[in-house]
């Protein structure tokens, strides 16, 4: 799963993953928030695109390039 581009601007810009799910191996349902991303002054949630188990690839407060990996779904 890649960090979505949540607003217009430089496609190579970076955002901060401010919160994330509880941990690797957590089960989740489609649409359940996987984390929040700090975009300028707004922190929208990033929903799960499908149900399954998450393997986290970005830590809380980690700066992630838009389109970069934040989790793997299985």
PDB file of N, CA and C in Angstrom:
ATOM      1  N   UNK A   1       0.845  -1.152   0.000  1.00  0.00           N
ATOM      2  CA  UNK A   1       0.000   0.000   0.000  1.00  0.00           C
ATOM      3  C   UNK A   1       0.895   1.220   0.000  1.00  0.00           C
ATOM      4  N   UNK A   2       0.575   2.184  -0.849  1.00  0.00           N
ATOM      5  CA  UNK A   2       1.400   3.380  -0.988  1.00  0.00           C
ATOM      6  C   UNK A   2       0.711   4.581  -0.370  1.00  0.00           C
ATOM      7  N   UNK A   3       1.500   5.534   0.076  1.00  0.00           N
ATOM      8  CA  UNK A   3       0.947   6.764   0.620  1.00  0.00           C
ATOM      9  C   UNK A   3       0.272   7.522  -0.507  1.00  0.00           C
ATOM     10  N   UNK A   4      -1.034   7.787  -0.374  1.00  0.00           N
ATOM     11  CA  UNK A   4      -1.740   8.478  -1.452  1.00  0.00           C
ATOM     12  C   UNK A   4      -1.360   9.947  -1.528  1.00  0.00           C
ATOM     13  N   UNK A   5      -1.537  10.518  -2.704  1.00  0.00           N
ATOM     14  CA  UNK A   5      -1.395  11.962  -2.865  1.00  0.00           C
ATOM     15  C   UNK A   5      -2.715  12.576  -2.422  1.00  0.00           C
ATOM     16  N   UNK A   6      -2.731  13.259  -1.304  1.00  0.00           N
ATOM     17  CA  UNK A   6      -3.971  13.728  -0.694  1.00  0.00           C
ATOM     18  C   UNK A   6      -4.334  15.157  -1.068  1.00  0.00           C
ATOM     19  N   UNK A   7      -3.463  15.834  -1.781  1.00  0.00           N
ATOM     20  CA  UNK A   7      -3.777  17.176  -2.250  1.00  0.00           C
ATOM     21  C   UNK A   7      -2.891  17.508  -3.434  1.00  0.00           C
ATOM     22  N   UNK A   8      -3.294  18.538  -4.161  1.00  0.00           N
ATOM     23  CA  UNK A   8      -2.507  18.937  -5.330  1.00  0.00           C
ATOM     24  C   UNK A   8      -1.165  19.498  -4.891  1.00  0.00           C
ATOM     25  N   UNK A   9      -0.229  19.484  -5.785  1.00  0.00           N
ATOM     26  CA  UNK A   9       1.081  20.022  -5.476  1.00  0.00           C
ATOM     27  C   UNK A   9       2.160  19.153  -6.077  1.00  0.00           C
ATOM     28  N   UNK A  10       3.361  19.289  -5.579  1.00  0.00           N
ATOM     29  CA  UNK A  10       4.515  18.540  -6.056  1.00  0.00           C
ATOM     30  C   UNK A  10       4.317  17.043  -5.796  1.00  0.00           C
ATOM     31  N   UNK A  11       4.223  16.199  -6.844  1.00  0.00           N
ATOM     32  CA  UNK A  11       3.997  14.773  -6.636  1.00  0.00           C
ATOM     33  C   UNK A  11       5.145  14.088  -5.909  1.00  0.00           C
ATOM     34  N   UNK A  12       6.309  14.702  -5.857  1.00  0.00           N
ATOM     35  CA  UNK A  12       7.442  14.129  -5.151  1.00  0.00           C
ATOM     36  C   UNK A  12       7.570  14.628  -3.727  1.00  0.00           C
ATOM     37  N   UNK A  13       6.588  15.411  -3.274  1.00  0.00           N
ATOM     38  CA  UNK A  13       6.644  15.977  -1.931  1.00  0.00           C
ATOM     39  C   UNK A  13       6.521  14.879  -0.878  1.00  0.00           C
ATOM     40  N   UNK A  14       6.835  15.217   0.349  1.00  0.00           N
ATOM     41  CA  UNK A  14       6.777  14.264   1.455  1.00  0.00           C
ATOM     42  C   UNK A  14       5.736  14.709   2.467  1.00  0.00           C
ATOM     43  N   UNK A  15       5.092  13.746   3.125  1.00  0.00           N
ATOM     44  CA  UNK A  15       4.158  13.994   4.202  1.00  0.00           C
ATOM     45  C   UNK A  15       4.605  13.158   5.391  1.00  0.00           C
ATOM     46  N   UNK A  16       4.007  13.402   6.555  1.00  0.00           N
ATOM     47  CA  UNK A  16       4.385  12.681   7.768  1.00  0.00           C
ATOM     48  C   UNK A  16       3.258  11.748   8.174  1.00  0.00           C
ATOM     49  N   UNK A  17       3.560  10.452   8.332  1.00  0.00           N
ATOM     50  CA  UNK A  17       2.608   9.484   8.859  1.00  0.00           C
ATOM     51  C   UNK A  17       2.565   9.699  10.366  1.00  0.00           C
ATOM     52  N   UNK A  18       1.505  10.390  10.865  1.00  0.00           N
ATOM     53  CA  UNK A  18       1.481  10.809  12.268  1.00  0.00           C
ATOM     54  C   UNK A  18       0.976   9.736  13.212  1.00  0.00           C
ATOM     55  N   UNK A  19       0.063   8.891  12.760  1.00  0.00           N
ATOM     56  CA  UNK A  19      -0.394   7.757  13.568  1.00  0.00           C
ATOM     57  C   UNK A  19      -0.574   6.570  12.637  1.00  0.00           C
ATOM     58  N   UNK A  20      -0.566   5.386  13.190  1.00  0.00           N
ATOM     59  CA  UNK A  20      -0.764   4.192  12.385  1.00  0.00           C
ATOM     60  C   UNK A  20      -1.498   3.159  13.225  1.00  0.00           C
ATOM     61  N   UNK A  21      -1.862   2.030  12.604  1.00  0.00           N
ATOM     62  CA  UNK A  21      -2.582   0.984  13.332  1.00  0.00           C
ATOM     63  C   UNK A  21      -1.696   0.436  14.448  1.00  0.00           C
ATOM     64  N   UNK A  22      -2.250  -0.405  15.274  1.00  0.00           N
ATOM     65  CA  UNK A  22      -1.554  -0.871  16.474  1.00  0.00           C
ATOM     66  C   UNK A  22      -0.242  -1.595  16.205  1.00  0.00           C
ATOM     67  N   UNK A  23      -0.156  -2.380  15.134  1.00  0.00           N
ATOM     68  CA  UNK A  23       1.112  -3.048  14.899  1.00  0.00           C
ATOM     69  C   UNK A  23       1.057  -4.065  13.786  1.00  0.00           C
ATOM     70  N   UNK A  24       2.225  -4.587  13.444  1.00  0.00           N
ATOM     71  CA  UNK A  24       2.329  -5.621  12.419  1.00  0.00           C
ATOM     72  C   UNK A  24       1.468  -6.817  12.803  1.00  0.00           C
ATOM     73  N   UNK A  25       0.858  -7.413  11.807  1.00  0.00           N
ATOM     74  CA  UNK A  25       0.050  -8.597  12.026  1.00  0.00           C
ATOM     75  C   UNK A  25      -1.362  -8.311  12.479  1.00  0.00           C
ATOM     76  N   UNK A  26      -1.729  -7.027  12.658  1.00  0.00           N
ATOM     77  CA  UNK A  26      -3.100  -6.683  13.042  1.00  0.00           C
ATOM     78  C   UNK A  26      -4.049  -7.011  11.905  1.00  0.00           C
ATOM     79  N   UNK A  27      -5.222  -7.517  12.257  1.00  0.00           N
ATOM     80  CA  UNK A  27      -6.278  -7.704  11.276  1.00  0.00           C
ATOM     81  C   UNK A  27      -7.062  -6.412  11.177  1.00  0.00           C
ATOM     82  N   UNK A  28      -7.619  -6.147  10.005  1.00  0.00           N
ATOM     83  CA  UNK A  28      -8.392  -4.929   9.803  1.00  0.00           C
ATOM     84  C   UNK A  28      -9.467  -5.199   8.779  1.00  0.00           C
ATOM     85  N   UNK A  29     -10.436  -4.300   8.711  1.00  0.00           N
ATOM     86  CA  UNK A  29     -11.525  -4.436   7.752  1.00  0.00           C
ATOM     87  C   UNK A  29     -11.406  -3.354   6.688  1.00  0.00           C
ATOM     88  N   UNK A  30     -12.010  -3.600   5.537  1.00  0.00           N
ATOM     89  CA  UNK A  30     -11.989  -2.616   4.459  1.00  0.00           C
ATOM     90  C   UNK A  30     -12.554  -1.292   4.964  1.00  0.00           C
ATOM     91  N   UNK A  31     -11.857  -0.211   4.684  1.00  0.00           N
ATOM     92  CA  UNK A  31     -12.286   1.121   5.087  1.00  0.00           C
ATOM     93  C   UNK A  31     -11.831   1.529   6.474  1.00  0.00           C
ATOM     94  N   UNK A  32     -11.324   0.590   7.268  1.00  0.00           N
ATOM     95  CA  UNK A  32     -10.821   0.918   8.607  1.00  0.00           C
ATOM     96  C   UNK A  32      -9.581   1.787   8.458  1.00  0.00           C
ATOM     97  N   UNK A  33      -9.453   2.857   9.254  1.00  0.00           N
ATOM     98  CA  UNK A  33      -8.257   3.706   9.149  1.00  0.00           C
ATOM     99  C   UNK A  33      -6.985   2.937   9.486  1.00  0.00           C
ATOM    100  N   UNK A  34      -5.982   3.051   8.607  1.00  0.00           N
ATOM    101  CA  UNK A  34      -4.676   2.444   8.846  1.00  0.00           C
ATOM    102  C   UNK A  34      -3.726   3.425   9.508  1.00  0.00           C
ATOM    103  N   UNK A  35      -4.037   4.697   9.419  1.00  0.00           N
ATOM    104  CA  UNK A  35      -3.202   5.721  10.013  1.00  0.00           C
ATOM    105  C   UNK A  35      -3.642   7.090   9.553  1.00  0.00           C
ATOM    106  N   UNK A  36      -2.990   8.124  10.060  1.00  0.00           N
ATOM    107  CA  UNK A  36      -3.245   9.499   9.648  1.00  0.00           C
ATOM    108  C   UNK A  36      -1.973  10.092   9.083  1.00  0.00           C
ATOM    109  N   UNK A  37      -2.137  10.976   8.108  1.00  0.00           N
ATOM    110  CA  UNK A  37      -1.017  11.615   7.430  1.00  0.00           C
ATOM    111  C   UNK A  37      -1.136  13.117   7.623  1.00  0.00           C
ATOM    112  N   UNK A  38      -0.056  13.770   8.053  1.00  0.00           N
ATOM    113  CA  UNK A  38      -0.065  15.223   8.204  1.00  0.00           C
ATOM    114  C   UNK A  38       0.194  15.859   6.851  1.00  0.00           C
ATOM    115  N   UNK A  39      -0.797  16.556   6.335  1.00  0.00           N
ATOM    116  CA  UNK A  39      -0.728  17.236   5.045  1.00  0.00           C
ATOM    117  C   UNK A  39      -0.968  18.708   5.325  1.00  0.00           C
ATOM    118  N   UNK A  40       0.064  19.518   5.209  1.00  0.00           N
ATOM    119  CA  UNK A  40      -0.008  20.936   5.587  1.00  0.00           C
ATOM    120  C   UNK A  40      -0.533  21.006   7.016  1.00  0.00           C
ATOM    121  N   UNK A  41      -1.761  21.508   7.234  1.00  0.00           N
ATOM    122  CA  UNK A  41      -2.300  21.606   8.585  1.00  0.00           C
ATOM    123  C   UNK A  41      -3.440  20.632   8.825  1.00  0.00           C
ATOM    124  N   UNK A  42      -3.705  19.745   7.867  1.00  0.00           N
ATOM    125  CA  UNK A  42      -4.799  18.783   7.976  1.00  0.00           C
ATOM    126  C   UNK A  42      -4.224  17.386   8.150  1.00  0.00           C
ATOM    127  N   UNK A  43      -4.875  16.525   8.939  1.00  0.00           N
ATOM    128  CA  UNK A  43      -4.407  15.159   9.154  1.00  0.00           C
ATOM    129  C   UNK A  43      -5.460  14.139   8.772  1.00  0.00           C
ATOM    130  N   UNK A  44      -5.708  13.931   7.457  1.00  0.00           N
ATOM    131  CA  UNK A  44      -6.731  12.964   7.052  1.00  0.00           C
ATOM    132  C   UNK A  44      -6.310  11.519   7.331  1.00  0.00           C
ATOM    133  N   UNK A  45      -7.301  10.656   7.550  1.00  0.00           N
ATOM    134  CA  UNK A  45      -7.031   9.237   7.742  1.00  0.00           C
ATOM    135  C   UNK A  45      -6.815   8.561   6.394  1.00  0.00           C
ATOM    136  N   UNK A  46      -6.034   7.489   6.414  1.00  0.00           N
ATOM    137  CA  UNK A  46      -5.813   6.670   5.227  1.00  0.00           C
ATOM    138  C   UNK A  46      -6.573   5.363   5.451  1.00  0.00           C
ATOM    139  N   UNK A  47      -7.663   5.107   4.700  1.00  0.00           N
ATOM    140  CA  UNK A  47      -8.461   3.906   4.937  1.00  0.00           C
ATOM    141  C   UNK A  47      -7.853   2.662   4.289  1.00  0.00           C
ATOM    142  N   UNK A  48      -8.156   1.513   4.879  1.00  0.00           N
ATOM    143  CA  UNK A  48      -7.740   0.237   4.306  1.00  0.00           C
ATOM    144  C   UNK A  48      -8.538  -0.013   3.029  1.00  0.00           C
ATOM    145  N   UNK A  49      -7.868  -0.384   1.929  1.00  0.00           N
ATOM    146  CA  UNK A  49      -8.578  -0.633   0.687  1.00  0.00           C
ATOM    147  C   UNK A  49      -9.298  -1.984   0.663  1.00  0.00           C
ATOM    148  N   UNK A  50      -8.968  -2.882   1.610  1.00  0.00           N
ATOM    149  CA  UNK A  50      -9.586  -4.207   1.682  1.00  0.00           C
ATOM    150  C   UNK A  50      -9.345  -4.763   3.081  1.00  0.00           C
ATOM    151  N   UNK A  51     -10.087  -5.810   3.446  1.00  0.00           N
ATOM    152  CA  UNK A  51      -9.874  -6.469   4.729  1.00  0.00           C
ATOM    153  C   UNK A  51      -8.654  -7.372   4.634  1.00  0.00           C
ATOM    154  N   UNK A  52      -7.994  -7.626   5.763  1.00  0.00           N
ATOM    155  CA  UNK A  52      -6.844  -8.505   5.774  1.00  0.00           C
ATOM    156  C   UNK A  52      -5.954  -8.254   6.964  1.00  0.00           C
ATOM    157  N   UNK A  53      -4.679  -8.524   6.809  1.00  0.00           N
ATOM    158  CA  UNK A  53      -3.678  -8.330   7.855  1.00  0.00           C
ATOM    159  C   UNK A  53      -2.632  -7.358   7.330  1.00  0.00           C
ATOM    160  N   UNK A  54      -2.187  -6.469   8.205  1.00  0.00           N
ATOM    161  CA  UNK A  54      -1.274  -5.402   7.786  1.00  0.00           C
ATOM    162  C   UNK A  54       0.163  -5.723   8.207  1.00  0.00           C
ATOM    163  N   UNK A  55       1.108  -5.453   7.319  1.00  0.00           N
ATOM    164  CA  UNK A  55       2.536  -5.458   7.626  1.00  0.00           C
ATOM    165  C   UNK A  55       2.998  -4.019   7.440  1.00  0.00           C
ATOM    166  N   UNK A  56       3.258  -3.342   8.540  1.00  0.00           N
ATOM    167  CA  UNK A  56       3.605  -1.921   8.499  1.00  0.00           C
ATOM    168  C   UNK A  56       4.992  -1.712   7.906  1.00  0.00           C
ATOM    169  N   UNK A  57       5.117  -0.678   7.087  1.00  0.00           N
ATOM    170  CA  UNK A  57       6.403  -0.362   6.467  1.00  0.00           C
ATOM    171  C   UNK A  57       6.842   1.068   6.749  1.00  0.00           C
ATOM    172  N   UNK A  58       6.048   1.798   7.542  1.00  0.00           N
ATOM    173  CA  UNK A  58       6.429   3.157   7.934  1.00  0.00           C
ATOM    174  C   UNK A  58       6.086   3.335   9.408  1.00  0.00           C
ATOM    175  N   UNK A  59       6.971   3.970  10.141  1.00  0.00           N
ATOM    176  CA  UNK A  59       6.767   4.203  11.569  1.00  0.00           C
ATOM    177  C   UNK A  59       5.966   5.478  11.793  1.00  0.00           C
ATOM    178  N   UNK A  60       5.346   5.582  12.979  1.00  0.00           N
ATOM    179  CA  UNK A  60       4.673   6.831  13.320  1.00  0.00           C
ATOM    180  C   UNK A  60       5.681   7.970  13.267  1.00  0.00           C
ATOM    181  N   UNK A  61       5.216   9.110  12.784  1.00  0.00           N
ATOM    182  CA  UNK A  61       6.018  10.335  12.657  1.00  0.00           C
ATOM    183  C   UNK A  61       7.146  10.209  11.641  1.00  0.00           C
ATOM    184  N   UNK A  62       7.140   9.159  10.827  1.00  0.00           N
ATOM    185  CA  UNK A  62       8.131   9.004   9.765  1.00  0.00           C
ATOM    186  C   UNK A  62       7.722   9.841   8.555  1.00  0.00           C
ATOM    187  N   UNK A  63       8.665  10.528   7.957  1.00  0.00           N
ATOM    188  CA  UNK A  63       8.405  11.291   6.735  1.00  0.00           C
ATOM    189  C   UNK A  63       8.416  10.309   5.569  1.00  0.00           C
ATOM    190  N   UNK A  64       7.317  10.324   4.775  1.00  0.00           N
ATOM    191  CA  UNK A  64       7.167   9.395   3.657  1.00  0.00           C
ATOM    192  C   UNK A  64       6.878  10.191   2.394  1.00  0.00           C
ATOM    193  N   UNK A  65       7.604   9.901   1.328  1.00  0.00           N
ATOM    194  CA  UNK A  65       7.358  10.549   0.037  1.00  0.00           C
ATOM    195  C   UNK A  65       5.999  10.103  -0.465  1.00  0.00           C
ATOM    196  N   UNK A  66       5.212  11.031  -1.008  1.00  0.00           N
ATOM    197  CA  UNK A  66       3.913  10.673  -1.569  1.00  0.00           C
ATOM    198  C   UNK A  66       4.105   9.586  -2.604  1.00  0.00           C
ATOM    199  N   UNK A  67       3.304   8.531  -2.500  1.00  0.00           N
ATOM    200  CA  UNK A  67       3.430   7.379  -3.379  1.00  0.00           C
ATOM    201  C   UNK A  67       4.377   6.330  -2.814  1.00  0.00           C
ATOM    202  N   UNK A  68       5.020   6.634  -1.672  1.00  0.00           N
ATOM    203  CA  UNK A  68       5.942   5.694  -1.039  1.00  0.00           C
ATOM    204  C   UNK A  68       5.182   4.667  -0.203  1.00  0.00           C
ATOM    205  N   UNK A  69       5.816   3.533   0.127  1.00  0.00           N
ATOM    206  CA  UNK A  69       5.143   2.470   0.866  1.00  0.00           C
ATOM    207  C   UNK A  69       4.904   2.836   2.329  1.00  0.00           C
ATOM    208  N   UNK A  70       3.695   2.516   2.814  1.00  0.00           N
ATOM    209  CA  UNK A  70       3.382   2.680   4.237  1.00  0.00           C
ATOM    210  C   UNK A  70       2.975   1.352   4.865  1.00  0.00           C
ATOM    211  N   UNK A  71       2.493   0.407   4.044  1.00  0.00           N
ATOM    212  CA  UNK A  71       2.087  -0.902   4.569  1.00  0.00           C
ATOM    213  C   UNK A  71       1.967  -1.892   3.424  1.00  0.00           C
ATOM    214  N   UNK A  72       2.040  -3.176   3.789  1.00  0.00           N
ATOM    215  CA  UNK A  72       1.779  -4.247   2.842  1.00  0.00           C
ATOM    216  C   UNK A  72       0.545  -4.972   3.357  1.00  0.00           C
ATOM    217  N   UNK A  73      -0.374  -5.293   2.458  1.00  0.00           N
ATOM    218  CA  UNK A  73      -1.602  -5.962   2.847  1.00  0.00           C
ATOM    219  C   UNK A  73      -1.527  -7.423   2.458  1.00  0.00           C
ATOM    220  N   UNK A  74      -2.009  -8.292   3.356  1.00  0.00           N
ATOM    221  CA  UNK A  74      -2.055  -9.723   3.020  1.00  0.00           C
ATOM    222  C   UNK A  74      -3.337 -10.311   3.533  1.00  0.00           C
TER     223      UNK A  74
END
